[in-house]
C-alpha atoms as a PDB file:
ATOM      1  CA  MET A   1      95.822  86.691 102.947  1.00  0.00           C
ATOM      2  CA  HIS A   2      95.587  90.435 102.405  1.00  0.00           C
ATOM      3  CA  TRP A   3      96.764  92.197  99.249  1.00  0.00           C
ATOM      4  CA  PHE A   4      97.090  95.941  98.779  1.00  0.00           C
ATOM      5  CA  THR A   5      97.299  98.112  95.702  1.00  0.00           C
ATOM      6  CA  ALA A   6      96.504 101.719  94.842  1.00  0.00           C
ATOM      7  CA  ASP A   7      95.652 103.799  91.824  1.00  0.00           C
ATOM      8  CA  PRO A   8      95.151 101.163  89.140  1.00  0.00           C
ATOM      9  CA  HIS A   9      93.155 103.734  87.131  1.00  0.00           C
ATOM     10  CA  TYR A  10      91.556 101.044  84.984  1.00  0.00           C
ATOM     11  CA  SER A  11      90.405 102.361  81.589  1.00  0.00           C
ATOM     12  CA  HIS A  12      91.939 105.787  82.264  1.00  0.00           C
ATOM     13  CA  GLY A  13      94.010 106.478  79.164  1.00  0.00           C
ATOM     14  CA  ASN A  14      95.587 109.712  80.387  1.00  0.00           C
ATOM     15  CA  ILE A  15      97.196 107.990  83.385  1.00  0.00           C
ATOM     16  CA  ILE A  16      99.658 106.319  81.009  1.00  0.00           C
ATOM     17  CA  ARG A  17     101.043 109.715  80.030  1.00  0.00           C
ATOM     18  CA  PHE A  18     100.583 111.401  83.424  1.00  0.00           C
ATOM     19  CA  CYS A  19     102.530 108.720  85.301  1.00  0.00           C
ATOM     20  CA  ASP A  20     104.749 107.441  82.498  1.00  0.00           C
ATOM     21  CA  ARG A  21     103.275 103.956  82.691  1.00  0.00           C
ATOM     22  CA  PRO A  22     104.979 101.470  80.350  1.00  0.00           C
ATOM     23  CA  PHE A  23     101.949 100.634  78.208  1.00  0.00           C
ATOM     24  CA  PRO A  24     101.219 101.602  74.598  1.00  0.00           C
ATOM     25  CA  GLU A  25      97.478 101.925  75.236  1.00  0.00           C
ATOM     26  CA  VAL A  26      94.791 101.442  77.874  1.00  0.00           C
ATOM     27  CA  ALA A  27      93.672  97.931  76.851  1.00  0.00           C
ATOM     28  CA  THR A  28      97.207  96.621  77.383  1.00  0.00           C
ATOM     29  CA  MET A  29      97.430  98.366  80.764  1.00  0.00           C
ATOM     30  CA  ASN A  30      94.064  96.957  81.866  1.00  0.00           C
ATOM     31  CA  ALA A  31      94.950  93.430  80.765  1.00  0.00           C
ATOM     32  CA  HIS A  32      98.370  93.531  82.420  1.00  0.00           C
ATOM     33  CA  GLN A  33      97.115  94.854  85.759  1.00  0.00           C
ATOM     34  CA  LEU A  34      94.219  92.413  85.873  1.00  0.00           C
ATOM     35  CA  ALA A  35      96.464  89.460  84.992  1.00  0.00           C
ATOM     36  CA  GLU A  36      98.983  90.425  87.696  1.00  0.00           C
ATOM     37  CA  CYS A  37      96.200  90.678  90.261  1.00  0.00           C
ATOM     38  CA  ARG A  38      94.621  87.371  89.261  1.00  0.00           C
ATOM     39  CA  ALA A  39      98.027  85.649  89.435  1.00  0.00           C
ATOM     40  CA  ARG A  40      98.414  86.607  93.097  1.00  0.00           C
ATOM     41  CA  VAL A  41      95.059  87.100  94.806  1.00  0.00           C
ATOM     42  CA  GLY A  42      93.134  83.973  95.677  1.00  0.00           C
ATOM     43  CA  PRO A  43      89.366  83.569  95.998  1.00  0.00           C
ATOM     44  CA  ASP A  44      89.539  83.643  99.809  1.00  0.00           C
ATOM     45  CA  ASP A  45      91.949  86.603  99.976  1.00  0.00           C
ATOM     46  CA  ASP A  46      91.172  90.245 100.735  1.00  0.00           C
ATOM     47  CA  LEU A  47      92.088  92.705  97.988  1.00  0.00           C
ATOM     48  CA  TRP A  48      92.331  96.294  99.217  1.00  0.00           C
ATOM     49  CA  ILE A  49      92.378  99.009  96.550  1.00  0.00           C
ATOM     50  CA  LEU A  50      93.609 102.226  98.129  1.00  0.00           C
ATOM     51  CA  GLY A  51      91.760 104.552  95.824  1.00  0.00           C
ATOM     52  CA  ASP A  52      91.359 105.519  92.209  1.00  0.00           C
ATOM     53  CA  PHE A  53      90.041 102.264  90.813  1.00  0.00           C
ATOM     54  CA  THR A  54      89.395 104.227  87.626  1.00  0.00           C
ATOM     55  CA  ALA A  55      88.931 107.816  86.535  1.00  0.00           C
ATOM     56  CA  GLY A  56      85.547 108.912  87.821  1.00  0.00           C
ATOM     57  CA  ARG A  57      84.312 110.659  84.709  1.00  0.00           C
ATOM     58  CA  ALA A  58      83.939 107.914  82.162  1.00  0.00           C
ATOM     59  CA  THR A  59      82.014 107.212  79.012  1.00  0.00           C
ATOM     60  CA  ASP A  60      79.351 104.502  79.007  1.00  0.00           C
ATOM     61  CA  ALA A  61      81.795 102.209  77.210  1.00  0.00           C
ATOM     62  CA  GLN A  62      84.491 102.833  79.829  1.00  0.00           C
ATOM     63  CA  ARG A  63      81.996 102.182  82.623  1.00  0.00           C
ATOM     64  CA  ARG A  64      81.031  98.844  81.054  1.00  0.00           C
ATOM     65  CA  GLU A  65      84.715  97.947  80.717  1.00  0.00           C
ATOM     66  CA  VAL A  66      85.459  98.901  84.331  1.00  0.00           C
ATOM     67  CA  ARG A  67      82.463  96.898  85.573  1.00  0.00           C
ATOM     68  CA  GLY A  68      83.786  93.871  83.668  1.00  0.00           C
ATOM     69  CA  ILE A  69      87.227  94.310  85.220  1.00  0.00           C
ATOM     70  CA  PHE A  70      85.675  94.661  88.665  1.00  0.00           C
ATOM     71  CA  HIS A  71      83.787  91.380  88.289  1.00  0.00           C
ATOM     72  CA  ALA A  72      86.973  89.643  87.082  1.00  0.00           C
ATOM     73  CA  LEU A  73      88.900  90.606  90.222  1.00  0.00           C
ATOM     74  CA  PRO A  74      89.439  87.710  92.622  1.00  0.00           C
ATOM     75  CA  GLY A  75      88.856  87.625  96.351  1.00  0.00           C
ATOM     76  CA  ARG A  76      86.923  89.903  98.653  1.00  0.00           C
ATOM     77  CA  ARG A  77      87.195  93.377  97.165  1.00  0.00           C
ATOM     78  CA  HIS A  78      87.541  96.452  99.367  1.00  0.00           C
ATOM     79  CA  LEU A  79      87.747 100.040  98.162  1.00  0.00           C
ATOM     80  CA  ILE A  80      89.302 102.872 100.103  1.00  0.00           C
ATOM     81  CA  ARG A  81      87.762 105.779  98.245  1.00  0.00           C
ATOM     82  CA  GLY A  82      90.129 107.984  96.270  1.00  0.00           C
ATOM     83  CA  ASN A  83      89.667 111.350  94.622  1.00  0.00           C
ATOM     84  CA  HIS A  84      88.676 109.738  91.297  1.00  0.00           C
ATOM     85  CA  ASP A  85      86.217 107.228  92.752  1.00  0.00           C
ATOM     86  CA  ASP A  86      82.883 108.801  91.841  1.00  0.00           C
ATOM     87  CA  ASP A  87      79.630 107.394  93.208  1.00  0.00           C
ATOM     88  CA  TRP A  88      79.151 104.993  90.276  1.00  0.00           C
ATOM     89  CA  VAL A  89      82.504 103.360  91.175  1.00  0.00           C
ATOM     90  CA  CYS A  90      81.570 103.108  94.846  1.00  0.00           C
ATOM     91  CA  ASP A  91      78.201 101.618  93.889  1.00  0.00           C
ATOM     92  CA  LEU A  92      79.863  98.518  92.420  1.00  0.00           C
ATOM     93  CA  PRO A  93      79.265  95.484  94.679  1.00  0.00           C
ATOM     94  CA  TRP A  94      82.395  95.914  96.795  1.00  0.00           C
ATOM     95  CA  ASP A  95      82.672  93.916 100.000  1.00  0.00           C
ATOM     96  CA  SER A  96      83.388  97.245 101.673  1.00  0.00           C
ATOM     97  CA  VAL A  97      83.817 100.905 100.727  1.00  0.00           C
ATOM     98  CA  ALA A  98      85.260 103.435 103.159  1.00  0.00           C
ATOM     99  CA  GLU A  99      87.257 106.656 103.317  1.00  0.00           C
ATOM    100  CA  THR A 100      89.778 104.943 105.614  1.00  0.00           C
ATOM    101  CA  ALA A 101      90.196 101.587 107.309  1.00  0.00           C
ATOM    102  CA  ASP A 102      92.042 100.574 110.458  1.00  0.00           C
ATOM    103  CA  ILE A 103      92.855  96.855 110.321  1.00  0.00           C
ATOM    104  CA  VAL A 104      95.257  94.358 111.861  1.00  0.00           C
ATOM    105  CA  VAL A 105      97.169  91.928 109.651  1.00  0.00           C
ATOM    106  CA  ASP A 106      99.630  89.466 111.204  1.00  0.00           C
ATOM    107  CA  LYS A 107      99.504  91.411 114.486  1.00  0.00           C
ATOM    108  CA  ARG A 108     100.476  94.647 112.703  1.00  0.00           C
ATOM    109  CA  ARG A 109      98.081  97.590 112.784  1.00  0.00           C
ATOM    110  CA  LEU A 110      97.544  99.071 109.322  1.00  0.00           C
ATOM    111  CA  PHE A 111      95.791 102.330 108.631  1.00  0.00           C
ATOM    112  CA  LEU A 112      94.564 102.511 105.041  1.00  0.00           C
ATOM    113  CA  CYS A 113      93.871 105.783 103.268  1.00  0.00           C
ATOM    114  CA  HIS A 114      94.131 107.019  99.697  1.00  0.00           C
ATOM    115  CA  TYR A 115      96.105 110.074 100.825  1.00  0.00           C
ATOM    116  CA  PRO A 116      99.382 110.196 102.776  1.00  0.00           C
ATOM    117  CA  MET A 117      99.025 111.621 106.261  1.00  0.00           C
ATOM    118  CA  ILE A 118     101.571 113.144 108.616  1.00  0.00           C
ATOM    119  CA  THR A 119     100.276 110.942 111.401  1.00  0.00           C
ATOM    120  CA  TRP A 120      97.627 108.221 111.692  1.00  0.00           C
ATOM    121  CA  PRO A 121      96.059 105.920 114.269  1.00  0.00           C
ATOM    122  CA  GLY A 122      98.732 103.633 115.674  1.00  0.00           C
ATOM    123  CA  ALA A 123     101.670 105.656 114.300  1.00  0.00           C
ATOM    124  CA  ARG A 124     103.330 105.899 117.728  1.00  0.00           C
ATOM    125  CA  HIS A 125     103.036 102.144 118.264  1.00  0.00           C
ATOM    126  CA  GLN A 126     104.620 100.723 115.079  1.00  0.00           C
ATOM    127  CA  GLY A 127     101.384 100.959 113.127  1.00  0.00           C
ATOM    128  CA  LEU A 128     101.892 101.503 109.421  1.00  0.00           C
ATOM    129  CA  GLN A 129      99.981 103.672 107.010  1.00  0.00           C
ATOM    130  CA  LEU A 130      99.389 102.350 103.503  1.00  0.00           C
ATOM    131  CA  PHE A 131      98.333 104.917 100.918  1.00  0.00           C
ATOM    132  CA  GLY A 132      98.291 105.788  97.241  1.00  0.00           C
ATOM    133  CA  HIS A 133      97.651 109.061  95.400  1.00  0.00           C
ATOM    134  CA  VAL A 134     101.264 110.184  95.044  1.00  0.00           C
ATOM    135  CA  PRO A 135     104.080 108.643  93.002  1.00  0.00           C
ATOM    136  CA  PRO A 136     106.728 106.793  95.077  1.00  0.00           C
ATOM    137  CA  GLU A 137     109.382 109.457  94.496  1.00  0.00           C
ATOM    138  CA  LEU A 138     107.121 112.043  96.166  1.00  0.00           C
ATOM    139  CA  ALA A 139     106.248 109.704  99.025  1.00  0.00           C
ATOM    140  CA  GLY A 140     109.879 109.249 100.054  1.00  0.00           C
ATOM    141  CA  GLN A 141     110.057 105.720  98.650  1.00  0.00           C
ATOM    142  CA  PRO A 142     112.725 104.350  96.292  1.00  0.00           C
END
């Protein structure tokens, strides 16, 4: 099975305020997101993170925390690089790291990118684009 998420921003305290996330502090946000992921993604599943696994600039303590979260994630872990995914994030032992990916899931072509695009490979043939980076209200989603 394939699972998709974007912009978890693990250990990024400012994201709570920037995006009005319903958490009192970063440890609660990290624990909640990790628990939700672990409740769904199985060891043989593919987990696609569509960018911004964390905030790129991080203290040593934050980097250790993010590495621990990374190793606690289930399944095969794939990163579509986002604007906050500095080299140290990409150097974690992901199963794949790419700027974009073009995959087929259940006979549906999916183009994965951190950023929304006006058009993408397969767009004229019912292919879907999955992306992050922008809040749903700016992406035309409910």
